[in-house]
N, C-alpha and C. Protein backbone atom coordinates (compact mmCIF):
# COMPACT_ATOMS: atom_id res chain seq x y z
N MET A 1 -0.51 -25.42 -3.72
CA MET A 1 -1.74 -24.76 -3.34
C MET A 1 -2.28 -24.12 -4.64
N PRO A 2 -3.54 -24.45 -5.04
CA PRO A 2 -4.07 -23.86 -6.26
C PRO A 2 -4.33 -22.36 -6.10
N VAL A 3 -4.29 -21.68 -7.22
CA VAL A 3 -4.54 -20.23 -7.25
C VAL A 3 -5.72 -19.96 -8.17
N VAL A 4 -6.62 -19.09 -7.73
CA VAL A 4 -7.75 -18.73 -8.53
C VAL A 4 -7.69 -17.22 -8.88
N SER A 5 -8.07 -16.84 -10.08
CA SER A 5 -7.94 -15.48 -10.52
C SER A 5 -9.29 -14.98 -11.13
N SER A 6 -9.53 -13.70 -10.97
CA SER A 6 -10.76 -13.14 -11.53
C SER A 6 -10.61 -12.76 -13.01
N GLY A 7 -9.33 -12.71 -13.45
CA GLY A 7 -9.09 -12.15 -14.78
C GLY A 7 -9.20 -10.63 -14.66
N VAL A 8 -8.99 -9.95 -15.74
CA VAL A 8 -9.03 -8.46 -15.74
C VAL A 8 -10.50 -8.06 -15.78
N ILE A 9 -10.97 -7.38 -14.73
CA ILE A 9 -12.41 -7.05 -14.59
C ILE A 9 -12.55 -5.96 -13.58
N ARG A 10 -13.73 -5.28 -13.63
CA ARG A 10 -13.94 -4.21 -12.60
C ARG A 10 -13.94 -4.93 -11.24
N LEU A 11 -13.41 -4.23 -10.27
CA LEU A 11 -13.25 -4.81 -8.92
C LEU A 11 -14.60 -5.24 -8.28
N LYS A 12 -15.63 -4.55 -8.59
CA LYS A 12 -16.93 -4.89 -8.02
C LYS A 12 -17.42 -6.29 -8.48
N TYR A 13 -16.88 -6.81 -9.54
CA TYR A 13 -17.31 -8.12 -10.06
C TYR A 13 -16.28 -9.20 -9.77
N ALA A 14 -15.16 -8.90 -9.22
CA ALA A 14 -14.03 -9.83 -9.11
C ALA A 14 -14.38 -11.03 -8.21
N VAL A 15 -14.92 -10.78 -7.04
CA VAL A 15 -15.27 -11.88 -6.12
C VAL A 15 -16.28 -12.82 -6.74
N ASP A 16 -17.31 -12.28 -7.43
CA ASP A 16 -18.30 -13.09 -8.11
C ASP A 16 -17.62 -14.00 -9.15
N LYS A 17 -16.70 -13.39 -9.90
CA LYS A 17 -16.02 -14.17 -10.97
C LYS A 17 -15.21 -15.27 -10.31
N ILE A 18 -14.55 -15.04 -9.19
CA ILE A 18 -13.77 -16.08 -8.53
C ILE A 18 -14.70 -17.16 -8.00
N LYS A 19 -15.83 -16.78 -7.44
CA LYS A 19 -16.84 -17.77 -6.94
C LYS A 19 -17.29 -18.64 -8.09
N ARG A 20 -17.59 -18.04 -9.27
CA ARG A 20 -18.00 -18.83 -10.43
C ARG A 20 -16.91 -19.80 -10.85
N SER A 21 -15.64 -19.35 -10.81
CA SER A 21 -14.56 -20.24 -11.18
C SER A 21 -14.48 -21.44 -10.29
N LEU A 22 -14.67 -21.24 -9.00
CA LEU A 22 -14.64 -22.34 -8.03
C LEU A 22 -15.84 -23.31 -8.27
N LEU A 23 -17.02 -22.74 -8.58
CA LEU A 23 -18.14 -23.61 -8.89
C LEU A 23 -17.87 -24.45 -10.11
N VAL A 24 -17.23 -23.85 -11.16
CA VAL A 24 -16.95 -24.61 -12.37
C VAL A 24 -15.94 -25.71 -12.05
N GLU A 25 -15.07 -25.47 -11.07
CA GLU A 25 -14.10 -26.53 -10.68
C GLU A 25 -14.73 -27.61 -9.88
N GLY A 26 -16.02 -27.48 -9.50
CA GLY A 26 -16.73 -28.48 -8.83
C GLY A 26 -16.72 -28.37 -7.29
N VAL A 27 -16.39 -27.22 -6.79
CA VAL A 27 -16.34 -27.03 -5.37
C VAL A 27 -17.77 -26.86 -4.85
N ASN A 28 -18.09 -27.35 -3.67
CA ASN A 28 -19.39 -27.32 -3.07
C ASN A 28 -19.97 -25.93 -3.09
N PRO A 29 -21.19 -25.73 -3.60
CA PRO A 29 -21.76 -24.37 -3.67
C PRO A 29 -21.88 -23.66 -2.35
N LYS A 30 -22.23 -24.43 -1.27
CA LYS A 30 -22.33 -23.85 0.04
C LYS A 30 -20.97 -23.33 0.52
N ALA A 31 -19.94 -24.15 0.29
CA ALA A 31 -18.60 -23.74 0.69
C ALA A 31 -18.14 -22.50 -0.12
N VAL A 32 -18.50 -22.46 -1.38
CA VAL A 32 -18.13 -21.28 -2.20
C VAL A 32 -18.83 -20.05 -1.71
N ARG A 33 -20.10 -20.15 -1.34
CA ARG A 33 -20.84 -18.99 -0.81
C ARG A 33 -20.21 -18.46 0.43
N GLU A 34 -19.89 -19.35 1.39
CA GLU A 34 -19.23 -18.93 2.63
C GLU A 34 -17.87 -18.33 2.40
N ALA A 35 -17.12 -18.99 1.56
CA ALA A 35 -15.75 -18.50 1.24
C ALA A 35 -15.83 -17.16 0.54
N GLY A 36 -16.84 -17.00 -0.32
CA GLY A 36 -17.03 -15.75 -1.02
C GLY A 36 -17.24 -14.53 -0.07
N ASP A 37 -17.93 -14.78 0.99
CA ASP A 37 -18.14 -13.68 1.99
C ASP A 37 -16.82 -13.32 2.60
N VAL A 38 -15.99 -14.32 2.97
CA VAL A 38 -14.70 -14.05 3.55
C VAL A 38 -13.80 -13.36 2.51
N LEU A 39 -13.77 -13.80 1.28
CA LEU A 39 -12.91 -13.20 0.27
C LEU A 39 -13.40 -11.76 -0.04
N ASP A 40 -14.71 -11.54 -0.02
CA ASP A 40 -15.23 -10.21 -0.21
C ASP A 40 -14.68 -9.21 0.80
N ALA A 41 -14.66 -9.67 2.05
CA ALA A 41 -14.14 -8.82 3.13
C ALA A 41 -12.60 -8.59 2.89
N LEU A 42 -11.88 -9.64 2.55
CA LEU A 42 -10.41 -9.49 2.32
C LEU A 42 -10.15 -8.49 1.17
N VAL A 43 -10.89 -8.62 0.12
CA VAL A 43 -10.70 -7.77 -1.06
C VAL A 43 -11.06 -6.33 -0.67
N LYS A 44 -12.15 -6.12 0.03
CA LYS A 44 -12.54 -4.72 0.41
C LYS A 44 -11.53 -4.12 1.34
N ASP A 45 -10.97 -4.87 2.28
CA ASP A 45 -9.87 -4.34 3.11
C ASP A 45 -8.71 -3.92 2.32
N LYS A 46 -8.30 -4.76 1.33
CA LYS A 46 -7.15 -4.43 0.51
C LYS A 46 -7.48 -3.20 -0.36
N MET A 47 -8.72 -3.15 -0.84
CA MET A 47 -9.11 -1.96 -1.68
C MET A 47 -8.98 -0.66 -0.82
N LEU A 48 -9.42 -0.73 0.43
CA LEU A 48 -9.30 0.46 1.32
C LEU A 48 -7.84 0.81 1.52
N GLU A 49 -7.01 -0.19 1.74
CA GLU A 49 -5.62 0.00 1.94
C GLU A 49 -4.97 0.69 0.76
N LEU A 50 -5.37 0.23 -0.48
CA LEU A 50 -4.77 0.72 -1.71
C LEU A 50 -5.50 1.91 -2.28
N LYS A 51 -6.58 2.34 -1.58
CA LYS A 51 -7.40 3.46 -2.08
C LYS A 51 -7.99 3.20 -3.44
N LEU A 52 -8.56 2.05 -3.60
CA LEU A 52 -9.22 1.65 -4.86
C LEU A 52 -10.73 1.77 -4.79
N SER A 53 -11.38 1.87 -5.96
CA SER A 53 -12.87 1.95 -5.95
C SER A 53 -13.36 0.71 -6.66
N ASP A 54 -14.70 0.45 -6.49
CA ASP A 54 -15.34 -0.64 -7.16
C ASP A 54 -15.18 -0.58 -8.70
N GLU A 55 -15.08 0.60 -9.24
CA GLU A 55 -15.03 0.77 -10.67
C GLU A 55 -13.60 0.58 -11.31
N ASP A 56 -12.59 0.50 -10.44
CA ASP A 56 -11.24 0.28 -10.91
C ASP A 56 -11.17 -1.08 -11.59
N VAL A 57 -10.40 -1.12 -12.72
CA VAL A 57 -10.17 -2.36 -13.45
C VAL A 57 -8.92 -3.01 -12.84
N ALA A 58 -9.06 -4.31 -12.52
CA ALA A 58 -8.02 -4.99 -11.82
C ALA A 58 -8.16 -6.49 -12.07
N GLU A 59 -7.11 -7.20 -11.59
CA GLU A 59 -7.12 -8.66 -11.58
C GLU A 59 -6.86 -9.06 -10.08
N VAL A 60 -7.71 -9.92 -9.59
CA VAL A 60 -7.55 -10.39 -8.23
C VAL A 60 -7.15 -11.88 -8.25
N GLU A 61 -6.07 -12.17 -7.57
CA GLU A 61 -5.57 -13.56 -7.49
C GLU A 61 -5.40 -13.91 -6.02
N ILE A 62 -5.71 -15.15 -5.70
CA ILE A 62 -5.53 -15.65 -4.31
C ILE A 62 -5.40 -17.15 -4.38
N ALA A 63 -4.49 -17.67 -3.51
CA ALA A 63 -4.31 -19.10 -3.37
C ALA A 63 -5.31 -19.64 -2.35
N TYR A 64 -5.72 -20.85 -2.51
CA TYR A 64 -6.68 -21.45 -1.56
C TYR A 64 -6.41 -22.94 -1.44
N SER A 65 -7.04 -23.46 -0.42
CA SER A 65 -7.01 -24.96 -0.20
C SER A 65 -8.39 -25.39 0.15
N LEU A 66 -8.63 -26.70 -0.11
CA LEU A 66 -9.91 -27.27 0.29
C LEU A 66 -9.68 -28.14 1.49
N GLU A 67 -10.28 -27.83 2.59
CA GLU A 67 -10.16 -28.59 3.79
C GLU A 67 -11.55 -29.11 4.12
N GLY A 68 -11.77 -30.38 3.83
CA GLY A 68 -13.06 -30.99 4.01
C GLY A 68 -13.99 -30.35 3.00
N ASN A 69 -15.06 -29.81 3.45
CA ASN A 69 -16.00 -29.13 2.61
C ASN A 69 -15.90 -27.60 2.69
N LYS A 70 -14.66 -27.14 2.97
CA LYS A 70 -14.50 -25.67 3.12
C LYS A 70 -13.35 -25.20 2.19
N VAL A 71 -13.54 -23.98 1.72
CA VAL A 71 -12.51 -23.31 1.00
C VAL A 71 -11.77 -22.37 1.98
N VAL A 72 -10.46 -22.59 2.09
CA VAL A 72 -9.64 -21.78 3.05
C VAL A 72 -8.71 -20.92 2.18
N TRP A 73 -8.84 -19.59 2.33
CA TRP A 73 -8.02 -18.65 1.57
C TRP A 73 -6.65 -18.48 2.21
N GLU A 74 -5.63 -18.41 1.42
CA GLU A 74 -4.29 -18.06 1.82
C GLU A 74 -4.17 -16.54 1.77
N LYS A 75 -4.54 -15.92 2.90
CA LYS A 75 -4.72 -14.45 2.96
C LYS A 75 -3.49 -13.67 2.46
N GLU A 76 -2.29 -14.16 2.79
CA GLU A 76 -1.06 -13.46 2.43
C GLU A 76 -0.81 -13.50 0.92
N SER A 77 -1.50 -14.44 0.23
CA SER A 77 -1.25 -14.51 -1.19
C SER A 77 -2.17 -13.63 -2.06
N LEU A 78 -3.10 -12.88 -1.35
CA LEU A 78 -4.06 -12.06 -2.12
C LEU A 78 -3.22 -10.94 -2.86
N LYS A 79 -3.51 -10.89 -4.14
CA LYS A 79 -2.73 -9.96 -5.03
C LYS A 79 -3.78 -9.24 -5.86
N ILE A 80 -3.75 -7.93 -5.87
CA ILE A 80 -4.64 -7.18 -6.73
C ILE A 80 -3.73 -6.33 -7.66
N THR A 81 -3.84 -6.64 -8.94
CA THR A 81 -3.09 -5.88 -9.96
C THR A 81 -4.04 -4.90 -10.63
N VAL A 82 -3.78 -3.62 -10.46
CA VAL A 82 -4.68 -2.57 -10.98
C VAL A 82 -4.23 -2.06 -12.31
N TYR A 83 -5.17 -1.84 -13.20
CA TYR A 83 -4.87 -1.28 -14.50
C TYR A 83 -5.55 0.09 -14.58
N LYS A 84 -4.71 1.14 -14.70
CA LYS A 84 -5.23 2.54 -14.73
C LYS A 84 -4.79 3.22 -16.01
N PRO A 85 -5.63 4.15 -16.45
CA PRO A 85 -5.21 4.94 -17.65
C PRO A 85 -3.88 5.69 -17.36
N LEU A 86 -3.09 5.87 -18.39
CA LEU A 86 -1.79 6.51 -18.24
C LEU A 86 -1.85 7.91 -17.62
N ALA A 87 -2.89 8.71 -18.05
CA ALA A 87 -3.02 10.05 -17.53
C ALA A 87 -3.30 9.98 -15.99
N GLU A 88 -4.06 9.02 -15.59
CA GLU A 88 -4.34 8.89 -14.12
C GLU A 88 -3.13 8.52 -13.36
N LEU A 89 -2.30 7.62 -13.97
CA LEU A 89 -1.03 7.20 -13.27
C LEU A 89 -0.07 8.39 -13.21
N GLU A 90 0.01 9.14 -14.27
CA GLU A 90 0.88 10.32 -14.25
C GLU A 90 0.48 11.31 -13.19
N ALA A 91 -0.82 11.56 -13.04
CA ALA A 91 -1.30 12.48 -11.97
C ALA A 91 -0.96 11.90 -10.59
N LEU A 92 -1.15 10.59 -10.44
CA LEU A 92 -0.86 9.96 -9.16
C LEU A 92 0.64 10.08 -8.84
N ILE A 93 1.46 9.80 -9.79
CA ILE A 93 2.93 9.89 -9.60
C ILE A 93 3.30 11.39 -9.30
N LYS A 94 2.75 12.32 -9.99
CA LYS A 94 3.02 13.72 -9.74
C LYS A 94 2.68 14.09 -8.34
N GLU A 95 1.50 13.63 -7.87
CA GLU A 95 1.04 13.94 -6.50
C GLU A 95 2.00 13.36 -5.48
N LYS A 96 2.42 12.10 -5.66
CA LYS A 96 3.41 11.43 -4.73
C LYS A 96 4.74 12.21 -4.74
N VAL A 97 5.22 12.61 -5.93
CA VAL A 97 6.50 13.31 -5.99
C VAL A 97 6.39 14.62 -5.24
N GLU A 98 5.24 15.34 -5.42
CA GLU A 98 5.09 16.65 -4.72
C GLU A 98 5.07 16.42 -3.22
N GLU A 99 4.37 15.37 -2.74
CA GLU A 99 4.34 15.04 -1.30
C GLU A 99 5.75 14.81 -0.77
N GLU A 100 6.51 14.04 -1.51
CA GLU A 100 7.88 13.75 -1.05
C GLU A 100 8.73 14.97 -1.12
N ALA A 101 8.52 15.78 -2.12
CA ALA A 101 9.36 17.06 -2.19
C ALA A 101 9.07 17.97 -1.05
N LYS A 102 7.80 18.01 -0.61
CA LYS A 102 7.42 18.81 0.58
C LYS A 102 8.13 18.28 1.84
N LYS A 103 8.07 16.95 1.99
CA LYS A 103 8.75 16.37 3.16
C LYS A 103 10.22 16.66 3.19
N ILE A 104 10.88 16.48 2.01
CA ILE A 104 12.32 16.77 1.92
C ILE A 104 12.60 18.20 2.19
N SER A 105 11.78 19.12 1.64
CA SER A 105 11.96 20.53 1.88
C SER A 105 11.83 20.89 3.39
N ALA A 106 10.92 20.27 4.05
CA ALA A 106 10.78 20.51 5.46
C ALA A 106 12.02 20.02 6.22
N GLU A 107 12.49 18.83 5.86
CA GLU A 107 13.70 18.23 6.48
C GLU A 107 14.91 19.15 6.23
N VAL A 108 15.04 19.64 5.00
CA VAL A 108 16.15 20.57 4.68
C VAL A 108 16.07 21.80 5.54
N SER A 109 14.93 22.41 5.65
CA SER A 109 14.70 23.56 6.50
C SER A 109 15.11 23.28 7.98
N GLU A 110 14.71 22.18 8.44
CA GLU A 110 15.01 21.78 9.83
C GLU A 110 16.51 21.61 10.01
N LEU A 111 17.16 21.01 9.01
CA LEU A 111 18.61 20.80 9.09
C LEU A 111 19.32 22.15 9.01
N ARG A 112 18.85 23.04 8.22
CA ARG A 112 19.48 24.39 8.07
C ARG A 112 19.40 25.13 9.42
N SER A 113 18.27 25.04 10.10
CA SER A 113 18.09 25.74 11.39
C SER A 113 19.03 25.06 12.41
N LYS A 114 19.18 23.79 12.39
CA LYS A 114 20.09 23.09 13.27
C LYS A 114 21.55 23.55 13.02
N ILE A 115 21.88 23.65 11.77
CA ILE A 115 23.24 24.09 11.38
C ILE A 115 23.51 25.51 11.92
N GLU A 116 22.51 26.41 11.75
CA GLU A 116 22.69 27.76 12.21
C GLU A 116 22.84 27.77 13.74
N ARG A 117 22.05 26.99 14.41
CA ARG A 117 22.16 26.93 15.88
C ARG A 117 23.53 26.41 16.31
N VAL A 118 24.05 25.39 15.65
CA VAL A 118 25.36 24.84 15.94
C VAL A 118 26.40 25.86 15.69
N LYS A 119 26.31 26.65 14.55
CA LYS A 119 27.24 27.73 14.20
C LYS A 119 27.30 28.79 15.32
N ARG A 120 26.09 29.19 15.83
CA ARG A 120 26.07 30.11 16.96
C ARG A 120 26.68 29.58 18.17
N GLU A 121 26.45 28.38 18.51
CA GLU A 121 27.03 27.75 19.66
C GLU A 121 28.57 27.66 19.50
N LEU A 122 29.03 27.30 18.35
CA LEU A 122 30.46 27.21 18.09
C LEU A 122 31.08 28.63 18.19
N SER A 123 30.42 29.61 17.68
CA SER A 123 30.89 30.99 17.79
C SER A 123 31.05 31.39 19.23
N GLU A 124 30.03 31.05 20.04
CA GLU A 124 30.07 31.40 21.47
C GLU A 124 31.24 30.66 22.20
N ILE A 125 31.45 29.46 21.79
CA ILE A 125 32.57 28.64 22.41
C ILE A 125 33.88 29.28 22.01
N ILE A 126 34.00 29.68 20.77
CA ILE A 126 35.29 30.28 20.25
C ILE A 126 35.55 31.59 21.07
N ASN A 127 34.43 32.40 21.22
CA ASN A 127 34.53 33.68 21.97
C ASN A 127 34.98 33.41 23.39
N ARG A 128 34.39 32.43 24.03
CA ARG A 128 34.77 32.12 25.40
C ARG A 128 36.22 31.65 25.54
N LEU A 129 36.64 30.83 24.57
CA LEU A 129 38.02 30.37 24.53
C LEU A 129 38.97 31.55 24.31
N SER A 130 38.59 32.43 23.50
CA SER A 130 39.45 33.69 23.25
C SER A 130 39.56 34.46 24.59
N GLU A 131 38.45 34.62 25.23
CA GLU A 131 38.42 35.37 26.49
C GLU A 131 39.34 34.63 27.57
N LEU A 132 39.22 33.34 27.63
CA LEU A 132 39.99 32.52 28.60
C LEU A 132 41.49 32.67 28.23
N GLU A 133 41.76 32.62 26.93
CA GLU A 133 43.16 32.69 26.49
C GLU A 133 43.79 34.06 26.89
N LYS A 134 43.00 35.09 26.73
CA LYS A 134 43.47 36.45 27.08
C LYS A 134 43.65 36.59 28.61
N SER A 135 42.78 35.97 29.36
CA SER A 135 42.92 36.05 30.83
C SER A 135 44.12 35.24 31.35
N LEU A 136 44.60 34.33 30.59
CA LEU A 136 45.78 33.53 31.05
C LEU A 136 47.02 34.25 30.79
């Protein structure tokens, strides 16, 4: 199955670049126009999922097949490789690490409270056993 790529470009231009590539390959212009609309929707959905903007620099790749006079996209093969400035990546990583640290901290607090509850219950059980032992 052939793969078409936008090259490294702003995301808002990626679908147009892929459509031009298909036209250069000799694919029917009407089929390219229709397939472009479908691809545009796929890319926008993926952008929402990945929290990307039109201005992000990326490369879009997708496999396709020609069935009759139609371009059929292999949706599972859609790949968006994003290129971000290092400072932006560092900030993103720091944000994710802080989110995970908060989650872990909350889990640790929950576990500590469970441990304290179990300690109290065990202490009560020990006291009851002591009382039972004395009464025997």
